[in-house]
Amino acid sequence: MNTMKITVSVPHAAVRDSLLNDAEDSLRPHALAVGHGILVTRHSPTQYSVATSAAVPVGETHETCLLEPA
């Protein structure tokens, strides 16, 4: 399967993008090597996962949110 995943905890909004970009950058070489893209999932306002995914086309990053609408 070759899926890799990083869990990202965001202490405050000012660093969210930087932390997520760092996680994505660290997974990108593996994703390209196995022909996967990257999926960023928001689990809560402060918890995200960044994972390689065969469901995402190689070279692309998709985002999804598991939070219920307000």
C-alpha atoms as a PDB file:
ATOM      1  CA  MET A   1       0.000   0.000   0.000  1.00  0.00           C
ATOM      2  CA  ASN A   2       2.917   2.343   0.779  1.00  0.00           C
ATOM      3  CA  THR A   3       0.795   5.012   2.471  1.00  0.00           C
ATOM      4  CA  MET A   4       2.601   7.404   4.797  1.00  0.00           C
ATOM      5  CA  LYS A   5       0.838   9.768   7.210  1.00  0.00           C
ATOM      6  CA  ILE A   6       1.854  12.688   9.409  1.00  0.00           C
ATOM      7  CA  THR A   7      -0.405  14.067  12.145  1.00  0.00           C
ATOM      8  CA  VAL A   8      -0.134  17.839  12.563  1.00  0.00           C
ATOM      9  CA  SER A   9      -1.214  19.667  15.727  1.00  0.00           C
ATOM     10  CA  VAL A  10      -1.691  23.397  15.179  1.00  0.00           C
ATOM     11  CA  PRO A  11      -1.141  25.486  18.334  1.00  0.00           C
ATOM     12  CA  HIS A  12      -2.404  28.704  16.694  1.00  0.00           C
ATOM     13  CA  ALA A  13      -3.599  29.817  13.262  1.00  0.00           C
ATOM     14  CA  ALA A  14      -0.502  31.889  12.485  1.00  0.00           C
ATOM     15  CA  VAL A  15       1.614  28.735  12.031  1.00  0.00           C
ATOM     16  CA  ARG A  16      -0.992  26.430  10.443  1.00  0.00           C
ATOM     17  CA  ASP A  17       0.085  26.885   6.827  1.00  0.00           C
ATOM     18  CA  SER A  18       3.767  26.566   7.663  1.00  0.00           C
ATOM     19  CA  LEU A  19       3.258  23.326   9.607  1.00  0.00           C
ATOM     20  CA  LEU A  20       1.050  21.794   6.904  1.00  0.00           C
ATOM     21  CA  ASN A  21       3.460  22.833   4.139  1.00  0.00           C
ATOM     22  CA  ASP A  22       6.377  21.288   6.034  1.00  0.00           C
ATOM     23  CA  ALA A  23       4.464  18.004   6.410  1.00  0.00           C
ATOM     24  CA  GLU A  24       3.494  18.009   2.738  1.00  0.00           C
ATOM     25  CA  ASP A  25       7.076  18.758   1.669  1.00  0.00           C
ATOM     26  CA  SER A  26       8.392  15.840   3.719  1.00  0.00           C
ATOM     27  CA  LEU A  27       5.889  13.390   2.164  1.00  0.00           C
ATOM     28  CA  ARG A  28       6.176  14.595  -1.441  1.00  0.00           C
ATOM     29  CA  PRO A  29       9.253  12.499  -2.447  1.00  0.00           C
ATOM     30  CA  HIS A  30       7.615   9.280  -1.205  1.00  0.00           C
ATOM     31  CA  ALA A  31       4.286  10.162  -2.838  1.00  0.00           C
ATOM     32  CA  LEU A  32       5.978  10.726  -6.194  1.00  0.00           C
ATOM     33  CA  ALA A  33       8.023   7.529  -5.860  1.00  0.00           C
ATOM     34  CA  VAL A  34       4.924   5.371  -5.346  1.00  0.00           C
ATOM     35  CA  GLY A  35       2.678   7.263  -7.785  1.00  0.00           C
ATOM     36  CA  HIS A  36       0.394   8.820  -5.176  1.00  0.00           C
ATOM     37  CA  GLY A  37      -0.826  12.323  -4.463  1.00  0.00           C
ATOM     38  CA  ILE A  38      -1.218  13.944  -1.050  1.00  0.00           C
ATOM     39  CA  LEU A  39      -4.410  14.291   0.984  1.00  0.00           C
ATOM     40  CA  VAL A  40      -4.693  16.905   3.751  1.00  0.00           C
ATOM     41  CA  THR A  41      -7.572  16.197   6.159  1.00  0.00           C
ATOM     42  CA  ARG A  42      -8.865  18.592   8.812  1.00  0.00           C
ATOM     43  CA  HIS A  43     -10.125  16.611  11.806  1.00  0.00           C
ATOM     44  CA  SER A  44     -10.679  19.529  14.196  1.00  0.00           C
ATOM     45  CA  PRO A  45      -9.728  23.211  14.361  1.00  0.00           C
ATOM     46  CA  THR A  46      -6.273  22.184  15.616  1.00  0.00           C
ATOM     47  CA  GLN A  47      -5.753  18.631  14.257  1.00  0.00           C
ATOM     48  CA  TYR A  48      -4.856  17.708  10.687  1.00  0.00           C
ATOM     49  CA  SER A  49      -3.423  14.693   8.920  1.00  0.00           C
ATOM     50  CA  VAL A  50      -1.271  14.826   5.814  1.00  0.00           C
ATOM     51  CA  ALA A  51      -1.002  11.519   3.978  1.00  0.00           C
ATOM     52  CA  THR A  52       0.005   9.991   0.696  1.00  0.00           C
ATOM     53  CA  SER A  53      -3.057   8.666  -1.108  1.00  0.00           C
ATOM     54  CA  ALA A  54      -3.620   6.501  -4.168  1.00  0.00           C
ATOM     55  CA  ALA A  55      -7.014   8.241  -4.508  1.00  0.00           C
ATOM     56  CA  VAL A  56      -5.268  11.550  -5.273  1.00  0.00           C
ATOM     57  CA  PRO A  57      -3.563  11.894  -8.673  1.00  0.00           C
ATOM     58  CA  VAL A  58       0.236  11.902  -8.552  1.00  0.00           C
ATOM     59  CA  GLY A  59       1.656  15.407  -8.203  1.00  0.00           C
ATOM     60  CA  GLU A  60      -1.558  16.838  -6.738  1.00  0.00           C
ATOM     61  CA  THR A  61      -2.635  17.775  -3.218  1.00  0.00           C
ATOM     62  CA  HIS A  62      -6.297  17.572  -2.221  1.00  0.00           C
ATOM     63  CA  GLU A  63      -7.933  18.826   0.953  1.00  0.00           C
ATOM     64  CA  THR A  64     -10.892  17.475   2.893  1.00  0.00           C
ATOM     65  CA  CYS A  65     -12.604  18.489   6.119  1.00  0.00           C
ATOM     66  CA  LEU A  66     -14.282  16.091   8.552  1.00  0.00           C
ATOM     67  CA  LEU A  67     -15.819  18.849  10.691  1.00  0.00           C
ATOM     68  CA  GLU A  68     -19.590  19.073  10.842  1.00  0.00           C
ATOM     69  CA  PRO A  69     -21.029  22.303   9.381  1.00  0.00           C
ATOM     70  CA  ALA A  70     -22.088  24.804  12.033  1.00  0.00           C
END
